Amino acid sequence: ESMEQKRRIQSFLELAVSAAAPTGLDQWTKFLAVKHLKDQADIALIPNVLYLHYLENRGAAFGMFQNQKVFLVLLTSLILIGVCYVLWKLPEGKHFLPLKILCFLITAGGIGNLADRLRLNYVVDFIYFSPIDFPVFNIADIYVTVSMVLLFLLVLFYYKDEDFQFLKWKSPKQQEQES
């Protein structure tokens, strides 16, 4: 095995380990939501602001794609494959550590909601922010949303175009010339 292959295998092991804890936290909070919130009155954490409210979401974010399980499973799977591709190609070094962490959190969120969809045919949501009547969400949604916002900001203000050269496809001949 080459050094590059070993590095890539290590990246996937890091992904598995690093995504396991956040995914576990998401699944645990959903378990608690089912156990303590299903068929119960809302619990006000901050009255008129933040509530625990049980909801079985058969769609995606903001109620889109209701009852489209196959589509949502395929879409999530494609996104997870894309994240794995980025991690596979991601260069080593502190410069790319923020990107790596965001990939781990996006993966954890994707797996958390995918597990619900496959196991239950819906996603357990339980956090409701009432001042703006925001859709009910869960911990996995927080991982994905916050990560995507941070990724957007990093791409705008931290990374440069040349930092993403590693994502460009190279022919076998180009790869050989670089070796």
N, C-alpha and C. Protein backbone atom coordinates (compact mmCIF):
# COMPACT_ATOMS: atom_id res chain seq x y z
N GLU A 1 0.85 -1.19 0.00
CA GLU A 1 0.00 0.00 0.00
C GLU A 1 0.88 1.25 0.00
N SER A 2 0.46 2.21 -0.78
CA SER A 2 1.22 3.45 -0.82
C SER A 2 0.87 4.30 0.39
N MET A 3 1.70 5.29 0.62
CA MET A 3 1.46 6.23 1.73
C MET A 3 0.14 6.96 1.53
N GLU A 4 -0.17 7.29 0.28
CA GLU A 4 -1.42 7.99 -0.03
C GLU A 4 -2.63 7.12 0.29
N GLN A 5 -2.58 5.85 -0.04
CA GLN A 5 -3.69 4.93 0.27
C GLN A 5 -3.86 4.80 1.78
N LYS A 6 -2.77 4.71 2.50
CA LYS A 6 -2.85 4.61 3.96
C LYS A 6 -3.48 5.88 4.55
N ARG A 7 -3.11 7.04 4.00
CA ARG A 7 -3.68 8.29 4.48
C ARG A 7 -5.18 8.33 4.23
N ARG A 8 -5.59 7.87 3.07
CA ARG A 8 -7.01 7.88 2.73
C ARG A 8 -7.80 6.91 3.60
N ILE A 9 -7.24 5.75 3.86
CA ILE A 9 -7.90 4.79 4.74
C ILE A 9 -8.01 5.39 6.14
N GLN A 10 -6.97 6.05 6.59
CA GLN A 10 -7.00 6.72 7.90
C GLN A 10 -8.09 7.78 7.94
N SER A 11 -8.28 8.52 6.84
CA SER A 11 -9.34 9.54 6.78
C SER A 11 -10.71 8.91 6.96
N PHE A 12 -10.94 7.74 6.36
CA PHE A 12 -12.23 7.08 6.50
C PHE A 12 -12.43 6.52 7.91
N LEU A 13 -11.35 6.05 8.51
CA LEU A 13 -11.46 5.60 9.90
C LEU A 13 -11.76 6.79 10.81
N GLU A 14 -11.11 7.91 10.55
CA GLU A 14 -11.41 9.13 11.31
C GLU A 14 -12.86 9.53 11.13
N LEU A 15 -13.37 9.43 9.90
CA LEU A 15 -14.76 9.76 9.63
C LEU A 15 -15.69 8.88 10.46
N ALA A 16 -15.43 7.59 10.43
CA ALA A 16 -16.29 6.66 11.17
C ALA A 16 -16.28 6.96 12.66
N VAL A 17 -15.11 7.18 13.21
CA VAL A 17 -15.00 7.45 14.65
C VAL A 17 -15.57 8.82 14.99
N SER A 18 -15.24 9.83 14.19
CA SER A 18 -15.66 11.20 14.49
C SER A 18 -17.15 11.42 14.26
N ALA A 19 -17.75 10.70 13.36
CA ALA A 19 -19.18 10.86 13.11
C ALA A 19 -20.01 10.01 14.07
N ALA A 20 -19.40 9.01 14.69
CA ALA A 20 -20.15 8.10 15.57
C ALA A 20 -20.71 8.82 16.80
N ALA A 21 -19.93 9.63 17.46
CA ALA A 21 -20.40 10.29 18.68
C ALA A 21 -21.53 11.28 18.39
N PRO A 22 -21.38 12.18 17.40
CA PRO A 22 -22.51 13.08 17.11
C PRO A 22 -23.76 12.33 16.63
N THR A 23 -23.56 11.27 15.83
CA THR A 23 -24.71 10.48 15.38
C THR A 23 -25.37 9.81 16.57
N GLY A 24 -24.56 9.29 17.47
CA GLY A 24 -25.11 8.67 18.69
C GLY A 24 -25.90 9.66 19.52
N LEU A 25 -25.38 10.89 19.66
CA LEU A 25 -26.10 11.92 20.41
C LEU A 25 -27.44 12.22 19.75
N ASP A 26 -27.44 12.35 18.43
CA ASP A 26 -28.68 12.60 17.70
C ASP A 26 -29.69 11.47 17.95
N GLN A 27 -29.26 10.24 17.81
CA GLN A 27 -30.17 9.11 17.99
C GLN A 27 -30.67 9.00 19.44
N TRP A 28 -29.80 9.31 20.39
CA TRP A 28 -30.20 9.27 21.80
C TRP A 28 -31.25 10.34 22.08
N THR A 29 -31.06 11.55 21.57
CA THR A 29 -32.04 12.61 21.81
C THR A 29 -33.37 12.27 21.14
N LYS A 30 -33.34 11.63 19.99
CA LYS A 30 -34.58 11.21 19.33
C LYS A 30 -35.27 10.11 20.13
N PHE A 31 -34.49 9.19 20.68
CA PHE A 31 -35.05 8.16 21.55
C PHE A 31 -35.76 8.80 22.74
N LEU A 32 -35.10 9.79 23.35
CA LEU A 32 -35.71 10.49 24.49
C LEU A 32 -36.97 11.24 24.06
N ALA A 33 -36.94 11.82 22.88
CA ALA A 33 -38.12 12.54 22.37
C ALA A 33 -39.30 11.59 22.21
N VAL A 34 -39.06 10.43 21.64
CA VAL A 34 -40.14 9.44 21.48
C VAL A 34 -40.65 9.00 22.85
N LYS A 35 -39.74 8.73 23.74
CA LYS A 35 -40.11 8.22 25.06
C LYS A 35 -40.87 9.25 25.90
N HIS A 36 -40.44 10.51 25.85
CA HIS A 36 -41.00 11.51 26.77
C HIS A 36 -41.93 12.55 26.13
N LEU A 37 -41.90 12.67 24.80
CA LEU A 37 -42.69 13.73 24.17
C LEU A 37 -43.85 13.21 23.31
N LYS A 38 -43.73 11.99 22.78
CA LYS A 38 -44.78 11.48 21.90
C LYS A 38 -46.10 11.41 22.66
N ASP A 39 -47.14 11.95 22.04
CA ASP A 39 -48.49 11.99 22.63
C ASP A 39 -48.55 12.78 23.94
N GLN A 40 -47.61 13.71 24.11
CA GLN A 40 -47.60 14.55 25.31
C GLN A 40 -47.70 16.01 24.89
N ALA A 41 -48.04 16.86 25.86
CA ALA A 41 -48.08 18.30 25.60
C ALA A 41 -46.65 18.81 25.41
N ASP A 42 -46.51 19.91 24.68
CA ASP A 42 -45.20 20.53 24.49
C ASP A 42 -44.60 20.91 25.84
N ILE A 43 -43.28 20.92 25.86
CA ILE A 43 -42.55 21.38 27.05
C ILE A 43 -41.86 22.68 26.69
N ALA A 44 -42.19 23.73 27.42
CA ALA A 44 -41.59 25.04 27.16
C ALA A 44 -40.24 25.12 27.87
N LEU A 45 -39.17 25.20 27.09
CA LEU A 45 -37.84 25.40 27.67
C LEU A 45 -37.65 26.88 27.96
N ILE A 46 -38.07 27.71 27.02
CA ILE A 46 -38.11 29.17 27.19
C ILE A 46 -39.49 29.58 26.67
N PRO A 47 -40.44 29.90 27.58
CA PRO A 47 -41.81 30.21 27.13
C PRO A 47 -41.84 31.25 26.02
N ASN A 48 -42.68 30.98 25.04
CA ASN A 48 -42.86 31.82 23.85
C ASN A 48 -41.63 31.89 22.95
N VAL A 49 -40.65 31.01 23.19
CA VAL A 49 -39.44 31.02 22.36
C VAL A 49 -39.05 29.60 21.92
N LEU A 50 -38.74 28.73 22.88
CA LEU A 50 -38.18 27.42 22.56
C LEU A 50 -38.96 26.32 23.26
N TYR A 51 -39.41 25.35 22.47
CA TYR A 51 -40.24 24.25 22.99
C TYR A 51 -39.69 22.91 22.54
N LEU A 52 -39.99 21.90 23.33
CA LEU A 52 -39.82 20.52 22.90
C LEU A 52 -41.20 20.09 22.41
N HIS A 53 -41.27 19.77 21.13
CA HIS A 53 -42.54 19.45 20.47
C HIS A 53 -42.31 18.25 19.56
N TYR A 54 -42.95 17.12 19.84
CA TYR A 54 -42.75 15.91 19.06
C TYR A 54 -43.42 15.99 17.70
N LEU A 55 -42.66 15.61 16.66
CA LEU A 55 -43.20 15.60 15.30
C LEU A 55 -42.56 14.46 14.52
N GLU A 56 -43.37 13.74 13.76
CA GLU A 56 -42.87 12.71 12.85
C GLU A 56 -42.85 13.32 11.46
N ASN A 57 -41.67 13.63 10.98
CA ASN A 57 -41.49 14.33 9.71
C ASN A 57 -41.26 13.32 8.59
N ARG A 58 -42.20 13.23 7.68
CA ARG A 58 -42.10 12.31 6.55
C ARG A 58 -41.55 13.01 5.31
N GLY A 59 -41.02 14.20 5.50
CA GLY A 59 -40.44 14.95 4.39
C GLY A 59 -39.01 15.35 4.70
N ALA A 60 -38.58 16.40 4.04
CA ALA A 60 -37.22 16.93 4.26
C ALA A 60 -37.36 18.24 5.02
N ALA A 61 -36.32 19.04 4.96
CA ALA A 61 -36.31 20.33 5.65
C ALA A 61 -37.49 21.18 5.20
N PHE A 62 -38.07 21.89 6.15
CA PHE A 62 -39.17 22.82 5.89
C PHE A 62 -40.39 22.12 5.29
N GLY A 63 -40.52 20.82 5.55
CA GLY A 63 -41.70 20.08 5.10
C GLY A 63 -41.73 19.75 3.61
N MET A 64 -40.63 19.98 2.92
CA MET A 64 -40.58 19.67 1.49
C MET A 64 -40.52 18.16 1.28
N PHE A 65 -40.96 17.72 0.11
CA PHE A 65 -40.86 16.33 -0.32
C PHE A 65 -41.55 15.36 0.65
N GLN A 66 -42.74 15.71 1.11
CA GLN A 66 -43.48 14.84 2.01
C GLN A 66 -43.72 13.48 1.36
N ASN A 67 -43.54 12.42 2.15
CA ASN A 67 -43.78 11.03 1.73
C ASN A 67 -42.97 10.63 0.50
N GLN A 68 -41.78 11.17 0.37
CA GLN A 68 -40.88 10.84 -0.74
C GLN A 68 -39.65 10.11 -0.21
N LYS A 69 -39.88 9.04 0.55
CA LYS A 69 -38.81 8.32 1.24
C LYS A 69 -37.70 7.88 0.28
N VAL A 70 -38.05 7.25 -0.82
CA VAL A 70 -37.03 6.74 -1.75
C VAL A 70 -36.17 7.88 -2.26
N PHE A 71 -36.80 8.96 -2.68
CA PHE A 71 -36.05 10.13 -3.16
C PHE A 71 -35.13 10.66 -2.07
N LEU A 72 -35.64 10.80 -0.84
CA LEU A 72 -34.84 11.37 0.24
C LEU A 72 -33.69 10.45 0.65
N VAL A 73 -33.92 9.15 0.62
CA VAL A 73 -32.84 8.19 0.92
C VAL A 73 -31.76 8.27 -0.16
N LEU A 74 -32.18 8.34 -1.42
CA LEU A 74 -31.21 8.45 -2.52
C LEU A 74 -30.44 9.77 -2.44
N LEU A 75 -31.15 10.86 -2.20
CA LEU A 75 -30.50 12.17 -2.10
C LEU A 75 -29.49 12.19 -0.96
N THR A 76 -29.89 11.70 0.21
CA THR A 76 -28.97 11.66 1.35
C THR A 76 -27.76 10.78 1.03
N SER A 77 -28.00 9.65 0.40
CA SER A 77 -26.90 8.75 0.04
C SER A 77 -25.93 9.42 -0.92
N LEU A 78 -26.45 10.15 -1.90
CA LEU A 78 -25.58 10.86 -2.84
C LEU A 78 -24.76 11.94 -2.14
N ILE A 79 -25.38 12.65 -1.22
CA ILE A 79 -24.66 13.68 -0.47
C ILE A 79 -23.56 13.03 0.37
N LEU A 80 -23.87 11.92 1.02
CA LEU A 80 -22.86 11.23 1.83
C LEU A 80 -21.72 10.70 0.96
N ILE A 81 -22.03 10.22 -0.23
CA ILE A 81 -20.99 9.78 -1.15
C ILE A 81 -20.11 10.97 -1.55
N GLY A 82 -20.75 12.11 -1.80
CA GLY A 82 -20.00 13.33 -2.14
C GLY A 82 -19.07 13.76 -1.02
N VAL A 83 -19.56 13.70 0.21
CA VAL A 83 -18.73 14.06 1.37
C VAL A 83 -17.55 13.09 1.49
N CYS A 84 -17.82 11.81 1.28
CA CYS A 84 -16.73 10.81 1.34
C CYS A 84 -15.70 11.08 0.25
N TYR A 85 -16.15 11.47 -0.92
CA TYR A 85 -15.22 11.80 -2.01
C TYR A 85 -14.33 12.97 -1.61
N VAL A 86 -14.93 14.01 -1.04
CA VAL A 86 -14.15 15.17 -0.60
C VAL A 86 -13.12 14.73 0.43
N LEU A 87 -13.54 13.92 1.40
CA LEU A 87 -12.60 13.45 2.42
C LEU A 87 -11.49 12.59 1.81
N TRP A 88 -11.84 11.78 0.82
CA TRP A 88 -10.86 10.91 0.16
C TRP A 88 -9.77 11.75 -0.51
N LYS A 89 -10.17 12.86 -1.11
CA LYS A 89 -9.24 13.70 -1.85
C LYS A 89 -8.61 14.81 -1.01
N LEU A 90 -9.17 15.09 0.16
CA LEU A 90 -8.75 16.21 1.00
C LEU A 90 -7.28 16.10 1.40
N PRO A 91 -6.49 17.12 1.12
CA PRO A 91 -5.09 17.10 1.54
C PRO A 91 -4.96 17.14 3.06
N GLU A 92 -3.86 16.65 3.55
CA GLU A 92 -3.56 16.71 4.99
C GLU A 92 -3.20 18.14 5.37
N GLY A 93 -3.22 18.42 6.65
CA GLY A 93 -2.75 19.70 7.14
C GLY A 93 -3.82 20.48 7.87
N LYS A 94 -3.33 21.37 8.73
CA LYS A 94 -4.22 22.20 9.55
C LYS A 94 -5.14 23.09 8.72
N HIS A 95 -4.66 23.48 7.56
CA HIS A 95 -5.44 24.38 6.71
C HIS A 95 -6.80 23.77 6.35
N PHE A 96 -6.83 22.46 6.19
CA PHE A 96 -8.07 21.79 5.78
C PHE A 96 -8.83 21.17 6.95
N LEU A 97 -8.33 21.33 8.17
CA LEU A 97 -9.01 20.77 9.34
C LEU A 97 -10.45 21.28 9.49
N PRO A 98 -10.72 22.59 9.32
CA PRO A 98 -12.13 23.03 9.42
C PRO A 98 -13.04 22.31 8.42
N LEU A 99 -12.55 22.12 7.20
CA LEU A 99 -13.33 21.42 6.18
C LEU A 99 -13.58 19.96 6.58
N LYS A 100 -12.56 19.34 7.13
CA LYS A 100 -12.68 17.95 7.58
C LYS A 100 -13.72 17.83 8.70
N ILE A 101 -13.68 18.72 9.67
CA ILE A 101 -14.64 18.69 10.78
C ILE A 101 -16.07 18.89 10.26
N LEU A 102 -16.24 19.83 9.34
CA LEU A 102 -17.58 20.05 8.77
C LEU A 102 -18.06 18.83 8.01
N CYS A 103 -17.18 18.15 7.32
CA CYS A 103 -17.55 16.90 6.63
C CYS A 103 -18.02 15.85 7.64
N PHE A 104 -17.33 15.75 8.78
CA PHE A 104 -17.74 14.80 9.82
C PHE A 104 -19.14 15.12 10.33
N LEU A 105 -19.41 16.42 10.57
CA LEU A 105 -20.72 16.81 11.12
C LEU A 105 -21.83 16.65 10.09
N ILE A 106 -21.56 16.96 8.84
CA ILE A 106 -22.56 16.74 7.78
C ILE A 106 -22.87 15.25 7.67
N THR A 107 -21.84 14.43 7.76
CA THR A 107 -22.02 12.98 7.72
C THR A 107 -22.86 12.51 8.91
N ALA A 108 -22.54 13.00 10.10
CA ALA A 108 -23.30 12.60 11.30
C ALA A 108 -24.77 12.99 11.15
N GLY A 109 -25.04 14.19 10.68
CA GLY A 109 -26.42 14.62 10.49
C GLY A 109 -27.14 13.80 9.43
N GLY A 110 -26.45 13.56 8.34
CA GLY A 110 -27.05 12.75 7.26
C GLY A 110 -27.37 11.34 7.71
N ILE A 111 -26.43 10.73 8.41
CA ILE A 111 -26.64 9.36 8.89
C ILE A 111 -27.75 9.33 9.94
N GLY A 112 -27.78 10.33 10.82
CA GLY A 112 -28.81 10.36 11.86
C GLY A 112 -30.21 10.39 11.28
N ASN A 113 -30.45 11.26 10.31
CA ASN A 113 -31.78 11.33 9.70
C ASN A 113 -32.04 10.16 8.75
N LEU A 114 -31.00 9.67 8.08
CA LEU A 114 -31.15 8.51 7.21
C LEU A 114 -31.55 7.28 8.02
N ALA A 115 -30.94 7.12 9.18
CA ALA A 115 -31.28 5.97 10.04
C ALA A 115 -32.75 6.01 10.43
N ASP A 116 -33.25 7.19 10.78
CA ASP A 116 -34.68 7.32 11.10
C ASP A 116 -35.54 6.95 9.90
N ARG A 117 -35.20 7.50 8.75
CA ARG A 117 -36.00 7.26 7.54
C ARG A 117 -36.06 5.77 7.20
N LEU A 118 -34.92 5.10 7.29
CA LEU A 118 -34.87 3.68 6.95
C LEU A 118 -35.57 2.82 8.00
N ARG A 119 -35.41 3.17 9.27
CA ARG A 119 -35.95 2.37 10.36
C ARG A 119 -37.42 2.67 10.63
N LEU A 120 -37.81 3.93 10.55
CA LEU A 120 -39.15 4.35 10.97
C LEU A 120 -40.05 4.85 9.84
N ASN A 121 -39.46 5.14 8.69
CA ASN A 121 -40.15 5.77 7.56
C ASN A 121 -40.46 7.24 7.80
N TYR A 122 -39.90 7.83 8.82
CA TYR A 122 -40.01 9.26 9.10
C TYR A 122 -38.83 9.66 9.97
N VAL A 123 -38.64 10.97 10.11
CA VAL A 123 -37.58 11.50 10.96
C VAL A 123 -38.23 12.09 12.20
N VAL A 124 -37.66 11.78 13.35
CA VAL A 124 -38.16 12.33 14.62
C VAL A 124 -37.60 13.74 14.79
N ASP A 125 -38.50 14.71 14.84
CA ASP A 125 -38.13 16.10 15.11
C ASP A 125 -38.75 16.49 16.45
N PHE A 126 -38.10 17.41 17.17
CA PHE A 126 -38.63 17.72 18.50
C PHE A 126 -38.23 19.09 19.04
N ILE A 127 -37.53 19.90 18.28
CA ILE A 127 -37.13 21.22 18.76
C ILE A 127 -37.91 22.26 17.95
N TYR A 128 -38.60 23.14 18.65
CA TYR A 128 -39.42 24.15 17.97
C TYR A 128 -39.06 25.54 18.49
N PHE A 129 -38.71 26.42 17.55
CA PHE A 129 -38.36 27.81 17.85
C PHE A 129 -39.54 28.66 17.38
N SER A 130 -40.33 29.14 18.32
CA SER A 130 -41.62 29.75 17.99
C SER A 130 -41.60 31.20 17.51
N PRO A 131 -40.65 32.06 17.88
CA PRO A 131 -40.76 33.47 17.47
C PRO A 131 -40.89 33.66 15.96
N ILE A 132 -40.26 32.81 15.18
CA ILE A 132 -40.37 32.94 13.72
C ILE A 132 -41.11 31.75 13.12
N ASP A 133 -41.79 30.99 13.97
CA ASP A 133 -42.53 29.81 13.53
C ASP A 133 -41.66 28.91 12.66
N PHE A 134 -40.42 28.70 13.13
CA PHE A 134 -39.45 27.88 12.41
C PHE A 134 -39.91 26.42 12.43
N PRO A 135 -39.71 25.67 11.33
CA PRO A 135 -40.11 24.26 11.34
C PRO A 135 -39.43 23.49 12.47
N VAL A 136 -40.14 22.49 12.99
CA VAL A 136 -39.60 21.65 14.05
C VAL A 136 -38.39 20.90 13.48
N PHE A 137 -37.34 20.78 14.29
CA PHE A 137 -36.10 20.16 13.82
C PHE A 137 -35.49 19.28 14.89
N ASN A 138 -34.32 18.73 14.62
CA ASN A 138 -33.63 17.84 15.55
C ASN A 138 -32.13 18.13 15.55
N ILE A 139 -31.40 17.36 16.31
CA ILE A 139 -29.94 17.57 16.45
C ILE A 139 -29.22 17.34 15.11
N ALA A 140 -29.62 16.31 14.36
CA ALA A 140 -28.99 16.05 13.06
C ALA A 140 -29.17 17.25 12.13
N ASP A 141 -30.35 17.85 12.17
CA ASP A 141 -30.60 19.04 11.35
C ASP A 141 -29.66 20.18 11.74
N ILE A 142 -29.40 20.31 13.04
CA ILE A 142 -28.48 21.35 13.51
C ILE A 142 -27.09 21.10 12.95
N TYR A 143 -26.63 19.85 13.01
CA TYR A 143 -25.30 19.53 12.46
C TYR A 143 -25.20 19.96 11.00
N VAL A 144 -26.19 19.57 10.20
CA VAL A 144 -26.13 19.83 8.77
C VAL A 144 -26.26 21.33 8.49
N THR A 145 -27.22 21.99 9.12
CA THR A 145 -27.47 23.41 8.85
C THR A 145 -26.29 24.28 9.28
N VAL A 146 -25.83 24.09 10.49
CA VAL A 146 -24.69 24.89 10.98
C VAL A 146 -23.45 24.60 10.14
N SER A 147 -23.22 23.34 9.82
CA SER A 147 -22.06 22.99 9.00
C SER A 147 -22.12 23.63 7.62
N MET A 148 -23.30 23.64 7.01
CA MET A 148 -23.42 24.23 5.68
C MET A 148 -23.22 25.75 5.73
N VAL A 149 -23.72 26.40 6.76
CA VAL A 149 -23.50 27.85 6.91
C VAL A 149 -22.02 28.13 7.10
N LEU A 150 -21.38 27.36 7.97
CA LEU A 150 -19.94 27.56 8.21
C LEU A 150 -19.13 27.24 6.95
N LEU A 151 -19.53 26.20 6.22
CA LEU A 151 -18.84 25.86 4.97
C LEU A 151 -18.96 27.02 3.97
N PHE A 152 -20.14 27.58 3.86
CA PHE A 152 -20.36 28.73 2.97
C PHE A 152 -19.43 29.89 3.37
N LEU A 153 -19.36 30.18 4.66
CA LEU A 153 -18.50 31.28 5.13
C LEU A 153 -17.02 30.98 4.89
N LEU A 154 -16.62 29.73 5.13
CA LEU A 154 -15.22 29.35 4.87
C LEU A 154 -14.86 29.50 3.40
N VAL A 155 -15.77 29.07 2.53
CA VAL A 155 -15.51 29.18 1.09
C VAL A 155 -15.43 30.65 0.68
N LEU A 156 -16.27 31.47 1.28
CA LEU A 156 -16.27 32.90 0.94
C LEU A 156 -15.05 33.65 1.48
N PHE A 157 -14.67 33.35 2.71
CA PHE A 157 -13.70 34.21 3.39
C PHE A 157 -12.38 33.56 3.78
N TYR A 158 -12.27 32.25 3.76
CA TYR A 158 -11.06 31.60 4.26
C TYR A 158 -10.32 30.87 3.14
N TYR A 159 -11.01 30.01 2.44
CA TYR A 159 -10.36 29.25 1.38
C TYR A 159 -10.32 30.05 0.09
N LYS A 160 -9.33 29.74 -0.71
CA LYS A 160 -9.17 30.37 -2.03
C LYS A 160 -9.50 29.32 -3.10
N ASP A 161 -9.72 29.76 -4.31
CA ASP A 161 -10.04 28.84 -5.41
C ASP A 161 -9.00 27.72 -5.52
N GLU A 162 -7.73 28.09 -5.40
CA GLU A 162 -6.67 27.08 -5.57
C GLU A 162 -6.67 26.03 -4.46
N ASP A 163 -7.29 26.33 -3.32
CA ASP A 163 -7.39 25.34 -2.24
C ASP A 163 -8.25 24.15 -2.66
N PHE A 164 -9.10 24.32 -3.67
CA PHE A 164 -10.00 23.25 -4.08
C PHE A 164 -9.54 22.53 -5.33
N GLN A 165 -8.29 22.73 -5.70
CA GLN A 165 -7.74 22.03 -6.86
C GLN A 165 -7.77 20.51 -6.67
N PHE A 166 -7.71 20.07 -5.42
CA PHE A 166 -7.71 18.64 -5.13
C PHE A 166 -9.01 17.96 -5.58
N LEU A 167 -10.07 18.72 -5.80
CA LEU A 167 -11.35 18.15 -6.21
C LEU A 167 -11.47 17.98 -7.72
N LYS A 168 -10.56 18.60 -8.46
CA LYS A 168 -10.63 18.50 -9.92
C LYS A 168 -10.20 17.12 -10.38
N TRP A 169 -10.94 16.59 -11.35
CA TRP A 169 -10.63 15.27 -11.89
C TRP A 169 -9.37 15.36 -12.73
N LYS A 170 -8.51 14.35 -12.56
CA LYS A 170 -7.28 14.29 -13.34
C LYS A 170 -7.23 12.95 -14.06
N SER A 171 -6.83 12.99 -15.29
CA SER A 171 -6.70 11.75 -16.07
C SER A 171 -5.56 10.93 -15.48
N PRO A 172 -5.55 9.64 -15.75
CA PRO A 172 -4.44 8.80 -15.26
C PRO A 172 -3.08 9.33 -15.71
N LYS A 173 -3.02 9.91 -16.93
CA LYS A 173 -1.77 10.45 -17.44
C LYS A 173 -1.32 11.66 -16.60
N GLN A 174 -2.28 12.54 -16.23
CA GLN A 174 -1.96 13.69 -15.41
C GLN A 174 -1.50 13.25 -14.02
N GLN A 175 -2.17 12.24 -13.47
CA GLN A 175 -1.78 11.73 -12.16
C GLN A 175 -0.37 11.15 -12.19
N GLU A 176 -0.05 10.46 -13.27
CA GLU A 176 1.28 9.85 -13.42
C GLU A 176 2.34 10.94 -13.52
N GLN A 177 2.04 12.03 -14.23
CA GLN A 177 3.00 13.11 -14.38
C GLN A 177 3.27 13.80 -13.05
N GLU A 178 2.29 13.84 -12.15
CA GLU A 178 2.47 14.49 -10.87
C GLU A 178 3.25 13.62 -9.89
N SER A 179 3.28 12.33 -10.14
CA SER A 179 3.97 11.40 -9.21
C SER A 179 5.46 11.46 -9.34
